[in-house]
């Protein structure tokens, strides 16, 4: 039945969001049409969609996505090499629930947590 999920997160500025995901996280733009106020990005087997919300207050945004990976150490180092800011409370570590995780915030304060089962 269920096959995949494509989260939709808010963004204030499409150009800034696009730049962050393409240049900091190494995603690619998905689709061949440029829709006003909507953005779709993909990397490997995942997609994230964004809808324009110009009035969004990032301090009140609680958008979150948990992304599983099978190469957490490599991904973490890749983002560090690209000078991508890691969440101040989200450095790479093993959690009590058996996941190795780290987190980043995008320009609109959407929290992206990357995790791998150990």
PDB file of N, CA and C in Angstrom:
ATOM      1  N   UNK A   1       0.807  -1.204   0.000  1.00  0.00           N
ATOM      2  CA  UNK A   1       0.000   0.000   0.000  1.00  0.00           C
ATOM      3  C   UNK A   1       0.849   1.267   0.000  1.00  0.00           C
ATOM      4  N   UNK A   2       1.276   1.693   1.182  1.00  0.00           N
ATOM      5  CA  UNK A   2       2.074   2.918   1.275  1.00  0.00           C
ATOM      6  C   UNK A   2       3.475   2.652   0.735  1.00  0.00           C
ATOM      7  N   UNK A   3       4.006   3.574  -0.055  1.00  0.00           N
ATOM      8  CA  UNK A   3       5.290   3.335  -0.700  1.00  0.00           C
ATOM      9  C   UNK A   3       6.367   4.353  -0.362  1.00  0.00           C
ATOM     10  N   UNK A   4       5.990   5.589  -0.154  1.00  0.00           N
ATOM     11  CA  UNK A   4       6.989   6.611   0.152  1.00  0.00           C
ATOM     12  C   UNK A   4       6.302   7.818   0.748  1.00  0.00           C
ATOM     13  N   UNK A   5       7.107   8.735   1.249  1.00  0.00           N
ATOM     14  CA  UNK A   5       6.568   9.962   1.818  1.00  0.00           C
ATOM     15  C   UNK A   5       7.418  11.126   1.329  1.00  0.00           C
ATOM     16  N   UNK A   6       6.760  12.215   0.986  1.00  0.00           N
ATOM     17  CA  UNK A   6       7.435  13.426   0.545  1.00  0.00           C
ATOM     18  C   UNK A   6       6.955  14.572   1.419  1.00  0.00           C
ATOM     19  N   UNK A   7       7.702  14.877   2.483  1.00  0.00           N
ATOM     20  CA  UNK A   7       7.256  15.942   3.384  1.00  0.00           C
ATOM     21  C   UNK A   7       7.188  17.294   2.672  1.00  0.00           C
ATOM     22  N   UNK A   8       6.263  18.126   3.135  1.00  0.00           N
ATOM     23  CA  UNK A   8       6.105  19.495   2.637  1.00  0.00           C
ATOM     24  C   UNK A   8       6.402  20.437   3.781  1.00  0.00           C
ATOM     25  N   UNK A   9       7.389  21.301   3.578  1.00  0.00           N
ATOM     26  CA  UNK A   9       7.824  22.231   4.610  1.00  0.00           C
ATOM     27  C   UNK A   9       7.637  23.660   4.130  1.00  0.00           C
ATOM     28  N   UNK A  10       7.461  24.589   5.065  1.00  0.00           N
ATOM     29  CA  UNK A  10       7.304  25.987   4.675  1.00  0.00           C
ATOM     30  C   UNK A  10       8.635  26.638   4.325  1.00  0.00           C
ATOM     31  N   UNK A  11       8.570  27.613   3.427  1.00  0.00           N
ATOM     32  CA  UNK A  11       9.741  28.417   3.076  1.00  0.00           C
ATOM     33  C   UNK A  11       9.290  29.857   2.887  1.00  0.00           C
ATOM     34  N   UNK A  12      10.145  30.788   3.250  1.00  0.00           N
ATOM     35  CA  UNK A  12       9.841  32.204   3.043  1.00  0.00           C
ATOM     36  C   UNK A  12      10.298  32.690   1.685  1.00  0.00           C
ATOM     37  N   UNK A  13      11.436  32.204   1.227  1.00  0.00           N
ATOM     38  CA  UNK A  13      12.035  32.702  -0.001  1.00  0.00           C
ATOM     39  C   UNK A  13      12.563  31.513  -0.801  1.00  0.00           C
ATOM     40  N   UNK A  14      11.966  31.274  -1.942  1.00  0.00           N
ATOM     41  CA  UNK A  14      12.314  30.107  -2.763  1.00  0.00           C
ATOM     42  C   UNK A  14      13.790  30.101  -3.163  1.00  0.00           C
ATOM     43  N   UNK A  15      14.329  31.242  -3.551  1.00  0.00           N
ATOM     44  CA  UNK A  15      15.725  31.303  -3.992  1.00  0.00           C
ATOM     45  C   UNK A  15      16.683  30.926  -2.861  1.00  0.00           C
ATOM     46  N   UNK A  16      16.417  31.407  -1.666  1.00  0.00           N
ATOM     47  CA  UNK A  16      17.279  31.101  -0.516  1.00  0.00           C
ATOM     48  C   UNK A  16      17.175  29.626  -0.154  1.00  0.00           C
ATOM     49  N   UNK A  17      15.954  29.097  -0.127  1.00  0.00           N
ATOM     50  CA  UNK A  17      15.758  27.673   0.185  1.00  0.00           C
ATOM     51  C   UNK A  17      16.433  26.802  -0.861  1.00  0.00           C
ATOM     52  N   UNK A  18      16.228  27.140  -2.117  1.00  0.00           N
ATOM     53  CA  UNK A  18      16.829  26.374  -3.210  1.00  0.00           C
ATOM     54  C   UNK A  18      18.349  26.386  -3.099  1.00  0.00           C
ATOM     55  N   UNK A  19      18.930  27.536  -2.855  1.00  0.00           N
ATOM     56  CA  UNK A  19      20.380  27.648  -2.717  1.00  0.00           C
ATOM     57  C   UNK A  19      20.896  26.770  -1.573  1.00  0.00           C
ATOM     58  N   UNK A  20      20.216  26.798  -0.434  1.00  0.00           N
ATOM     59  CA  UNK A  20      20.653  26.013   0.722  1.00  0.00           C
ATOM     60  C   UNK A  20      20.634  24.522   0.408  1.00  0.00           C
ATOM     61  N   UNK A  21      19.531  24.026  -0.111  1.00  0.00           N
ATOM     62  CA  UNK A  21      19.403  22.587  -0.349  1.00  0.00           C
ATOM     63  C   UNK A  21      20.302  22.110  -1.491  1.00  0.00           C
ATOM     64  N   UNK A  22      20.455  22.912  -2.534  1.00  0.00           N
ATOM     65  CA  UNK A  22      21.288  22.495  -3.658  1.00  0.00           C
ATOM     66  C   UNK A  22      22.781  22.669  -3.364  1.00  0.00           C
ATOM     67  N   UNK A  23      23.144  23.759  -2.725  1.00  0.00           N
ATOM     68  CA  UNK A  23      24.565  24.052  -2.543  1.00  0.00           C
ATOM     69  C   UNK A  23      25.145  23.645  -1.199  1.00  0.00           C
ATOM     70  N   UNK A  24      24.334  23.558  -0.167  1.00  0.00           N
ATOM     71  CA  UNK A  24      24.840  23.144   1.143  1.00  0.00           C
ATOM     72  C   UNK A  24      24.601  21.663   1.415  1.00  0.00           C
ATOM     73  N   UNK A  25      23.441  21.141   0.965  1.00  0.00           N
ATOM     74  CA  UNK A  25      23.102  19.751   1.261  1.00  0.00           C
ATOM     75  C   UNK A  25      23.248  18.828   0.061  1.00  0.00           C
ATOM     76  N   UNK A  26      23.574  19.388  -1.092  1.00  0.00           N
ATOM     77  CA  UNK A  26      23.838  18.618  -2.310  1.00  0.00           C
ATOM     78  C   UNK A  26      22.594  17.908  -2.871  1.00  0.00           C
ATOM     79  N   UNK A  27      21.426  18.520  -2.684  1.00  0.00           N
ATOM     80  CA  UNK A  27      20.217  18.025  -3.319  1.00  0.00           C
ATOM     81  C   UNK A  27      20.189  18.534  -4.756  1.00  0.00           C
ATOM     82  N   UNK A  28      19.262  18.022  -5.546  1.00  0.00           N
ATOM     83  CA  UNK A  28      19.009  18.514  -6.891  1.00  0.00           C
ATOM     84  C   UNK A  28      17.558  18.932  -6.980  1.00  0.00           C
ATOM     85  N   UNK A  29      17.282  19.869  -7.858  1.00  0.00           N
ATOM     86  CA  UNK A  29      15.887  20.272  -8.060  1.00  0.00           C
ATOM     87  C   UNK A  29      15.170  19.147  -8.795  1.00  0.00           C
ATOM     88  N   UNK A  30      13.948  18.853  -8.372  1.00  0.00           N
ATOM     89  CA  UNK A  30      13.154  17.787  -8.965  1.00  0.00           C
ATOM     90  C   UNK A  30      12.084  18.392  -9.872  1.00  0.00           C
ATOM     91  N   UNK A  31      11.828  17.744 -10.966  1.00  0.00           N
ATOM     92  CA  UNK A  31      10.783  18.191 -11.875  1.00  0.00           C
ATOM     93  C   UNK A  31      11.333  19.094 -12.959  1.00  0.00           C
ATOM     94  N   UNK A  32      10.540  19.280 -13.990  1.00  0.00           N
ATOM     95  CA  UNK A  32      10.990  20.093 -15.117  1.00  0.00           C
ATOM     96  C   UNK A  32      10.187  21.378 -15.255  1.00  0.00           C
ATOM     97  N   UNK A  33       9.367  21.678 -14.280  1.00  0.00           N
ATOM     98  CA  UNK A  33       8.580  22.919 -14.304  1.00  0.00           C
ATOM     99  C   UNK A  33       8.909  23.744 -13.065  1.00  0.00           C
ATOM    100  N   UNK A  34       8.978  25.044 -13.223  1.00  0.00           N
ATOM    101  CA  UNK A  34       9.255  25.948 -12.120  1.00  0.00           C
ATOM    102  C   UNK A  34       7.944  26.580 -11.664  1.00  0.00           C
ATOM    103  N   UNK A  35       7.375  26.035 -10.597  1.00  0.00           N
ATOM    104  CA  UNK A  35       6.093  26.526 -10.091  1.00  0.00           C
ATOM    105  C   UNK A  35       6.314  27.689  -9.140  1.00  0.00           C
ATOM    106  N   UNK A  36       5.558  28.734  -9.313  1.00  0.00           N
ATOM    107  CA  UNK A  36       5.639  29.896  -8.446  1.00  0.00           C
ATOM    108  C   UNK A  36       5.265  29.491  -7.021  1.00  0.00           C
ATOM    109  N   UNK A  37       6.130  29.771  -6.072  1.00  0.00           N
ATOM    110  CA  UNK A  37       5.827  29.513  -4.668  1.00  0.00           C
ATOM    111  C   UNK A  37       5.917  28.052  -4.262  1.00  0.00           C
ATOM    112  N   UNK A  38       6.524  27.206  -5.082  1.00  0.00           N
ATOM    113  CA  UNK A  38       6.634  25.785  -4.749  1.00  0.00           C
ATOM    114  C   UNK A  38       7.974  25.274  -5.238  1.00  0.00           C
ATOM    115  N   UNK A  39       8.611  24.432  -4.435  1.00  0.00           N
ATOM    116  CA  UNK A  39       9.922  23.897  -4.763  1.00  0.00           C
ATOM    117  C   UNK A  39       9.958  22.421  -4.382  1.00  0.00           C
ATOM    118  N   UNK A  40      10.570  21.611  -5.241  1.00  0.00           N
ATOM    119  CA  UNK A  40      10.772  20.193  -4.954  1.00  0.00           C
ATOM    120  C   UNK A  40      12.247  19.879  -5.154  1.00  0.00           C
ATOM    121  N   UNK A  41      12.849  19.232  -4.159  1.00  0.00           N
ATOM    122  CA  UNK A  41      14.246  18.830  -4.246  1.00  0.00           C
ATOM    123  C   UNK A  41      14.357  17.342  -3.938  1.00  0.00           C
ATOM    124  N   UNK A  42      15.427  16.741  -4.442  1.00  0.00           N
ATOM    125  CA  UNK A  42      15.641  15.316  -4.190  1.00  0.00           C
ATOM    126  C   UNK A  42      17.117  15.017  -4.040  1.00  0.00           C
ATOM    127  N   UNK A  43      17.377  13.953  -3.316  1.00  0.00           N
ATOM    128  CA  UNK A  43      18.732  13.422  -3.158  1.00  0.00           C
ATOM    129  C   UNK A  43      18.580  11.928  -2.923  1.00  0.00           C
ATOM    130  N   UNK A  44      19.271  11.161  -3.731  1.00  0.00           N
ATOM    131  CA  UNK A  44      19.181   9.710  -3.654  1.00  0.00           C
ATOM    132  C   UNK A  44      17.711   9.287  -3.754  1.00  0.00           C
ATOM    133  N   UNK A  45      17.162   8.670  -2.713  1.00  0.00           N
ATOM    134  CA  UNK A  45      15.794   8.152  -2.783  1.00  0.00           C
ATOM    135  C   UNK A  45      14.770   9.006  -2.057  1.00  0.00           C
ATOM    136  N   UNK A  46      15.116  10.235  -1.682  1.00  0.00           N
ATOM    137  CA  UNK A  46      14.139  11.054  -0.967  1.00  0.00           C
ATOM    138  C   UNK A  46      13.845  12.350  -1.709  1.00  0.00           C
ATOM    139  N   UNK A  47      12.671  12.870  -1.452  1.00  0.00           N
ATOM    140  CA  UNK A  47      12.249  14.183  -1.950  1.00  0.00           C
ATOM    141  C   UNK A  47      11.721  14.986  -0.776  1.00  0.00           C
ATOM    142  N   UNK A  48      11.949  16.288  -0.838  1.00  0.00           N
ATOM    143  CA  UNK A  48      11.329  17.217   0.099  1.00  0.00           C
ATOM    144  C   UNK A  48      10.681  18.302  -0.742  1.00  0.00           C
ATOM    145  N   UNK A  49       9.440  18.634  -0.403  1.00  0.00           N
ATOM    146  CA  UNK A  49       8.711  19.685  -1.106  1.00  0.00           C
ATOM    147  C   UNK A  49       8.594  20.888  -0.175  1.00  0.00           C
ATOM    148  N   UNK A  50       8.516  22.077  -0.767  1.00  0.00           N
ATOM    149  CA  UNK A  50       8.399  23.317  -0.007  1.00  0.00           C
ATOM    150  C   UNK A  50       7.284  24.167  -0.590  1.00  0.00           C
ATOM    151  N   UNK A  51       6.524  24.779   0.285  1.00  0.00           N
ATOM    152  CA  UNK A  51       5.487  25.714  -0.139  1.00  0.00           C
ATOM    153  C   UNK A  51       5.824  27.089   0.416  1.00  0.00           C
ATOM    154  N   UNK A  52       5.516  28.103  -0.363  1.00  0.00           N
ATOM    155  CA  UNK A  52       5.820  29.469   0.043  1.00  0.00           C
ATOM    156  C   UNK A  52       4.914  29.925   1.183  1.00  0.00           C
ATOM    157  N   UNK A  53       5.534  30.485   2.199  1.00  0.00           N
ATOM    158  CA  UNK A  53       4.826  31.035   3.359  1.00  0.00           C
ATOM    159  C   UNK A  53       5.630  32.258   3.786  1.00  0.00           C
ATOM    160  N   UNK A  54       5.425  33.364   3.074  1.00  0.00           N
ATOM    161  CA  UNK A  54       6.230  34.574   3.270  1.00  0.00           C
ATOM    162  C   UNK A  54       6.125  35.136   4.686  1.00  0.00           C
ATOM    163  N   UNK A  55       4.994  34.919   5.353  1.00  0.00           N
ATOM    164  CA  UNK A  55       4.795  35.469   6.700  1.00  0.00           C
ATOM    165  C   UNK A  55       5.345  34.569   7.795  1.00  0.00           C
ATOM    166  N   UNK A  56       5.985  33.492   7.422  1.00  0.00           N
ATOM    167  CA  UNK A  56       6.516  32.539   8.394  1.00  0.00           C
ATOM    168  C   UNK A  56       7.504  33.229   9.335  1.00  0.00           C
ATOM    169  N   UNK A  57       7.307  33.035  10.617  1.00  0.00           N
ATOM    170  CA  UNK A  57       8.266  33.482  11.624  1.00  0.00           C
ATOM    171  C   UNK A  57       9.143  32.274  11.952  1.00  0.00           C
ATOM    172  N   UNK A  58      10.402  32.263  11.513  1.00  0.00           N
ATOM    173  CA  UNK A  58      11.246  31.091  11.744  1.00  0.00           C
ATOM    174  C   UNK A  58      11.341  30.671  13.207  1.00  0.00           C
ATOM    175  N   UNK A  59      11.207  31.635  14.121  1.00  0.00           N
ATOM    176  CA  UNK A  59      11.280  31.306  15.542  1.00  0.00           C
ATOM    177  C   UNK A  59      10.059  30.523  16.015  1.00  0.00           C
ATOM    178  N   UNK A  60       9.007  30.517  15.208  1.00  0.00           N
ATOM    179  CA  UNK A  60       7.784  29.777  15.555  1.00  0.00           C
ATOM    180  C   UNK A  60       7.544  28.598  14.620  1.00  0.00           C
ATOM    181  N   UNK A  61       8.544  28.273  13.807  1.00  0.00           N
ATOM    182  CA  UNK A  61       8.409  27.161  12.875  1.00  0.00           C
ATOM    183  C   UNK A  61       8.919  25.884  13.521  1.00  0.00           C
ATOM    184  N   UNK A  62       8.080  24.865  13.525  1.00  0.00           N
ATOM    185  CA  UNK A  62       8.447  23.580  14.124  1.00  0.00           C
ATOM    186  C   UNK A  62       8.501  22.473  13.085  1.00  0.00           C
ATOM    187  N   UNK A  63       8.715  22.855  11.800  1.00  0.00           N
ATOM    188  CA  UNK A  63       8.832  21.843  10.750  1.00  0.00           C
ATOM    189  C   UNK A  63      10.033  20.945  11.007  1.00  0.00           C
ATOM    190  N   UNK A  64       9.806  19.633  10.910  1.00  0.00           N
ATOM    191  CA  UNK A  64      10.874  18.677  11.171  1.00  0.00           C
ATOM    192  C   UNK A  64      10.750  17.491  10.224  1.00  0.00           C
ATOM    193  N   UNK A  65      11.901  16.975   9.817  1.00  0.00           N
ATOM    194  CA  UNK A  65      11.947  15.771   8.995  1.00  0.00           C
ATOM    195  C   UNK A  65      13.076  14.898   9.534  1.00  0.00           C
ATOM    196  N   UNK A  66      12.810  13.608   9.653  1.00  0.00           N
ATOM    197  CA  UNK A  66      13.837  12.637  10.049  1.00  0.00           C
ATOM    198  C   UNK A  66      14.213  11.854   8.802  1.00  0.00           C
ATOM    199  N   UNK A  67      15.492  11.872   8.445  1.00  0.00           N
ATOM    200  CA  UNK A  67      15.969  11.239   7.222  1.00  0.00           C
ATOM    201  C   UNK A  67      16.958  10.134   7.592  1.00  0.00           C
ATOM    202  N   UNK A  68      16.628   8.925   7.212  1.00  0.00           N
ATOM    203  CA  UNK A  68      17.522   7.799   7.487  1.00  0.00           C
ATOM    204  C   UNK A  68      18.589   7.699   6.394  1.00  0.00           C
ATOM    205  N   UNK A  69      19.788   7.326   6.823  1.00  0.00           N
ATOM    206  CA  UNK A  69      20.910   7.165   5.910  1.00  0.00           C
ATOM    207  C   UNK A  69      21.657   5.888   6.258  1.00  0.00           C
ATOM    208  N   UNK A  70      22.449   5.407   5.326  1.00  0.00           N
ATOM    209  CA  UNK A  70      23.284   4.239   5.612  1.00  0.00           C
ATOM    210  C   UNK A  70      24.769   4.603   5.615  1.00  0.00           C
ATOM    211  N   UNK A  71      25.054   5.915   5.551  1.00  0.00           N
ATOM    212  CA  UNK A  71      26.441   6.395   5.599  1.00  0.00           C
ATOM    213  C   UNK A  71      26.515   7.689   6.408  1.00  0.00           C
ATOM    214  N   UNK A  72      26.129   7.616   7.671  1.00  0.00           N
ATOM    215  CA  UNK A  72      26.004   8.806   8.511  1.00  0.00           C
ATOM    216  C   UNK A  72      27.336   9.537   8.686  1.00  0.00           C
ATOM    217  N   UNK A  73      28.410   8.802   8.900  1.00  0.00           N
ATOM    218  CA  UNK A  73      29.709   9.450   9.113  1.00  0.00           C
ATOM    219  C   UNK A  73      30.168  10.182   7.851  1.00  0.00           C
ATOM    220  N   UNK A  74      29.995   9.556   6.720  1.00  0.00           N
ATOM    221  CA  UNK A  74      30.378  10.164   5.445  1.00  0.00           C
ATOM    222  C   UNK A  74      29.542  11.416   5.165  1.00  0.00           C
ATOM    223  N   UNK A  75      28.239  11.338   5.416  1.00  0.00           N
ATOM    224  CA  UNK A  75      27.350  12.482   5.204  1.00  0.00           C
ATOM    225  C   UNK A  75      27.714  13.629   6.140  1.00  0.00           C
ATOM    226  N   UNK A  76      27.942  13.326   7.389  1.00  0.00           N
ATOM    227  CA  UNK A  76      28.311  14.346   8.374  1.00  0.00           C
ATOM    228  C   UNK A  76      29.594  15.075   7.947  1.00  0.00           C
ATOM    229  N   UNK A  77      30.603  14.297   7.556  1.00  0.00           N
ATOM    230  CA  UNK A  77      31.871  14.909   7.139  1.00  0.00           C
ATOM    231  C   UNK A  77      31.686  15.728   5.867  1.00  0.00           C
ATOM    232  N   UNK A  78      30.874  15.240   4.939  1.00  0.00           N
ATOM    233  CA  UNK A  78      30.592  15.975   3.705  1.00  0.00           C
ATOM    234  C   UNK A  78      30.001  17.346   4.020  1.00  0.00           C
ATOM    235  N   UNK A  79      29.026  17.381   4.940  1.00  0.00           N
ATOM    236  CA  UNK A  79      28.398  18.662   5.293  1.00  0.00           C
ATOM    237  C   UNK A  79      29.372  19.576   6.024  1.00  0.00           C
ATOM    238  N   UNK A  80      30.202  19.010   6.869  1.00  0.00           N
ATOM    239  CA  UNK A  80      31.228  19.828   7.527  1.00  0.00           C
ATOM    240  C   UNK A  80      32.192  20.413   6.493  1.00  0.00           C
ATOM    241  N   UNK A  81      32.589  19.606   5.519  1.00  0.00           N
ATOM    242  CA  UNK A  81      33.497  20.084   4.477  1.00  0.00           C
ATOM    243  C   UNK A  81      32.874  21.212   3.657  1.00  0.00           C
ATOM    244  N   UNK A  82      31.542  21.189   3.498  1.00  0.00           N
ATOM    245  CA  UNK A  82      30.841  22.237   2.749  1.00  0.00           C
ATOM    246  C   UNK A  82      30.502  23.432   3.648  1.00  0.00           C
ATOM    247  N   UNK A  83      30.969  23.368   4.895  1.00  0.00           N
ATOM    248  CA  UNK A  83      30.737  24.427   5.882  1.00  0.00           C
ATOM    249  C   UNK A  83      29.256  24.642   6.166  1.00  0.00           C
ATOM    250  N   UNK A  84      28.510  23.532   6.154  1.00  0.00           N
ATOM    251  CA  UNK A  84      27.094  23.551   6.525  1.00  0.00           C
ATOM    252  C   UNK A  84      27.017  23.576   8.043  1.00  0.00           C
ATOM    253  N   UNK A  85      26.252  24.515   8.594  1.00  0.00           N
ATOM    254  CA  UNK A  85      26.128  24.630  10.048  1.00  0.00           C
ATOM    255  C   UNK A  85      25.338  23.459  10.614  1.00  0.00           C
ATOM    256  N   UNK A  86      25.921  22.828  11.599  1.00  0.00           N
ATOM    257  CA  UNK A  86      25.249  21.758  12.336  1.00  0.00           C
ATOM    258  C   UNK A  86      24.480  22.422  13.480  1.00  0.00           C
ATOM    259  N   UNK A  87      23.274  21.913  13.766  1.00  0.00           N
ATOM    260  CA  UNK A  87      22.469  22.456  14.868  1.00  0.00           C
ATOM    261  C   UNK A  87      23.312  22.463  16.142  1.00  0.00           C
ATOM    262  N   UNK A  88      23.257  23.537  16.933  1.00  0.00           N
ATOM    263  CA  UNK A  88      24.077  23.614  18.154  1.00  0.00           C
ATOM    264  C   UNK A  88      23.858  22.437  19.112  1.00  0.00           C
ATOM    265  N   UNK A  89      22.672  21.875  19.120  1.00  0.00           N
ATOM    266  CA  UNK A  89      22.392  20.713  19.968  1.00  0.00           C
ATOM    267  C   UNK A  89      22.305  19.434  19.153  1.00  0.00           C
ATOM    268  N   UNK A  90      22.817  19.455  17.923  1.00  0.00           N
ATOM    269  CA  UNK A  90      22.632  18.323  17.030  1.00  0.00           C
ATOM    270  C   UNK A  90      23.903  17.743  16.453  1.00  0.00           C
ATOM    271  N   UNK A  91      25.008  17.801  17.214  1.00  0.00           N
ATOM    272  CA  UNK A  91      26.240  17.189  16.724  1.00  0.00           C
ATOM    273  C   UNK A  91      26.084  15.676  16.607  1.00  0.00           C
ATOM    274  N   UNK A  92      26.896  15.076  15.783  1.00  0.00           N
ATOM    275  CA  UNK A  92      26.847  13.633  15.560  1.00  0.00           C
ATOM    276  C   UNK A  92      27.113  12.886  16.860  1.00  0.00           C
ATOM    277  N   UNK A  93      26.157  12.027  17.234  1.00  0.00           N
ATOM    278  CA  UNK A  93      26.330  11.223  18.442  1.00  0.00           C
ATOM    279  C   UNK A  93      25.394  10.022  18.404  1.00  0.00           C
ATOM    280  N   UNK A  94      25.731   9.051  19.224  1.00  0.00           N
ATOM    281  CA  UNK A  94      24.888   7.864  19.362  1.00  0.00           C
ATOM    282  C   UNK A  94      23.841   8.154  20.421  1.00  0.00           C
ATOM    283  N   UNK A  95      22.596   7.957  20.059  1.00  0.00           N
ATOM    284  CA  UNK A  95      21.472   8.229  20.960  1.00  0.00           C
ATOM    285  C   UNK A  95      21.099   6.959  21.735  1.00  0.00           C
ATOM    286  N   UNK A  96      20.432   7.111  22.885  1.00  0.00           N
ATOM    287  CA  UNK A  96      20.045   5.946  23.685  1.00  0.00           C
ATOM    288  C   UNK A  96      19.118   4.975  22.941  1.00  0.00           C
ATOM    289  N   UNK A  97      18.440   5.448  21.901  1.00  0.00           N
ATOM    290  CA  UNK A  97      17.499   4.591  21.175  1.00  0.00           C
ATOM    291  C   UNK A  97      18.162   3.839  20.020  1.00  0.00           C
ATOM    292  N   UNK A  98      19.502   3.822  20.004  1.00  0.00           N
ATOM    293  CA  UNK A  98      20.219   3.004  19.038  1.00  0.00           C
ATOM    294  C   UNK A  98      20.414   3.619  17.668  1.00  0.00           C
ATOM    295  N   UNK A  99      20.328   4.949  17.595  1.00  0.00           N
ATOM    296  CA  UNK A  99      20.556   5.649  16.337  1.00  0.00           C
ATOM    297  C   UNK A  99      21.771   6.551  16.495  1.00  0.00           C
ATOM    298  N   UNK A 100      22.546   6.661  15.439  1.00  0.00           N
ATOM    299  CA  UNK A 100      23.602   7.666  15.368  1.00  0.00           C
ATOM    300  C   UNK A 100      23.003   8.803  14.563  1.00  0.00           C
ATOM    301  N   UNK A 101      22.994  10.022  15.130  1.00  0.00           N
ATOM    302  CA  UNK A 101      22.247  11.123  14.531  1.00  0.00           C
ATOM    303  C   UNK A 101      23.012  12.437  14.577  1.00  0.00           C
ATOM    304  N   UNK A 102      22.598  13.341  13.680  1.00  0.00           N
ATOM    305  CA  UNK A 102      22.963  14.744  13.757  1.00  0.00           C
ATOM    306  C   UNK A 102      21.849  15.550  13.097  1.00  0.00           C
ATOM    307  N   UNK A 103      21.842  16.869  13.336  1.00  0.00           N
ATOM    308  CA  UNK A 103      20.762  17.722  12.829  1.00  0.00           C
ATOM    309  C   UNK A 103      21.299  19.026  12.269  1.00  0.00           C
ATOM    310  N   UNK A 104      20.555  19.564  11.303  1.00  0.00           N
ATOM    311  CA  UNK A 104      20.820  20.896  10.760  1.00  0.00           C
ATOM    312  C   UNK A 104      19.496  21.652  10.685  1.00  0.00           C
ATOM    313  N   UNK A 105      19.597  22.964  10.698  1.00  0.00           N
ATOM    314  CA  UNK A 105      18.429  23.823  10.489  1.00  0.00           C
ATOM    315  C   UNK A 105      18.565  24.481   9.126  1.00  0.00           C
ATOM    316  N   UNK A 106      17.476  24.523   8.374  1.00  0.00           N
ATOM    317  CA  UNK A 106      17.518  25.234   7.096  1.00  0.00           C
ATOM    318  C   UNK A 106      17.235  26.711   7.339  1.00  0.00           C
ATOM    319  N   UNK A 107      17.255  27.544   6.310  1.00  0.00           N
ATOM    320  CA  UNK A 107      17.078  28.992   6.509  1.00  0.00           C
ATOM    321  C   UNK A 107      15.740  29.394   7.144  1.00  0.00           C
ATOM    322  N   UNK A 108      14.750  28.511   7.118  1.00  0.00           N
ATOM    323  CA  UNK A 108      13.451  28.823   7.712  1.00  0.00           C
ATOM    324  C   UNK A 108      13.213  28.105   9.034  1.00  0.00           C
ATOM    325  N   UNK A 109      14.279  27.531   9.584  1.00  0.00           N
ATOM    326  CA  UNK A 109      14.239  26.861  10.874  1.00  0.00           C
ATOM    327  C   UNK A 109      13.569  25.491  10.812  1.00  0.00           C
ATOM    328  N   UNK A 110      13.451  24.902   9.632  1.00  0.00           N
ATOM    329  CA  UNK A 110      13.009  23.514   9.523  1.00  0.00           C
ATOM    330  C   UNK A 110      14.159  22.639   9.990  1.00  0.00           C
ATOM    331  N   UNK A 111      13.875  21.722  10.907  1.00  0.00           N
ATOM    332  CA  UNK A 111      14.890  20.853  11.474  1.00  0.00           C
ATOM    333  C   UNK A 111      14.991  19.582  10.640  1.00  0.00           C
ATOM    334  N   UNK A 112      16.200  19.301  10.158  1.00  0.00           N
ATOM    335  CA  UNK A 112      16.476  18.063   9.432  1.00  0.00           C
ATOM    336  C   UNK A 112      17.377  17.211  10.302  1.00  0.00           C
ATOM    337  N   UNK A 113      16.895  16.067  10.724  1.00  0.00           N
ATOM    338  CA  UNK A 113      17.694  15.143  11.516  1.00  0.00           C
ATOM    339  C   UNK A 113      18.038  13.954  10.637  1.00  0.00           C
ATOM    340  N   UNK A 114      19.316  13.636  10.585  1.00  0.00           N
ATOM    341  CA  UNK A 114      19.789  12.499   9.816  1.00  0.00           C
ATOM    342  C   UNK A 114      20.179  11.402  10.805  1.00  0.00           C
ATOM    343  N   UNK A 115      19.757  10.173  10.532  1.00  0.00           N
ATOM    344  CA  UNK A 115      20.048   9.094  11.468  1.00  0.00           C
ATOM    345  C   UNK A 115      20.344   7.775  10.792  1.00  0.00           C
ATOM    346  N   UNK A 116      21.134   6.966  11.506  1.00  0.00           N
ATOM    347  CA  UNK A 116      21.468   5.630  11.033  1.00  0.00           C
ATOM    348  C   UNK A 116      21.412   4.679  12.215  1.00  0.00           C
ATOM    349  N   UNK A 117      20.792   3.527  12.017  1.00  0.00           N
ATOM    350  CA  UNK A 117      20.755   2.493  13.048  1.00  0.00           C
ATOM    351  C   UNK A 117      22.145   1.912  13.211  1.00  0.00           C
ATOM    352  N   UNK A 118      22.549   1.753  14.476  1.00  0.00           N
ATOM    353  CA  UNK A 118      23.877   1.170  14.724  1.00  0.00           C
ATOM    354  C   UNK A 118      23.755  -0.239  15.247  1.00  0.00           C
TER     355      UNK A 118
END
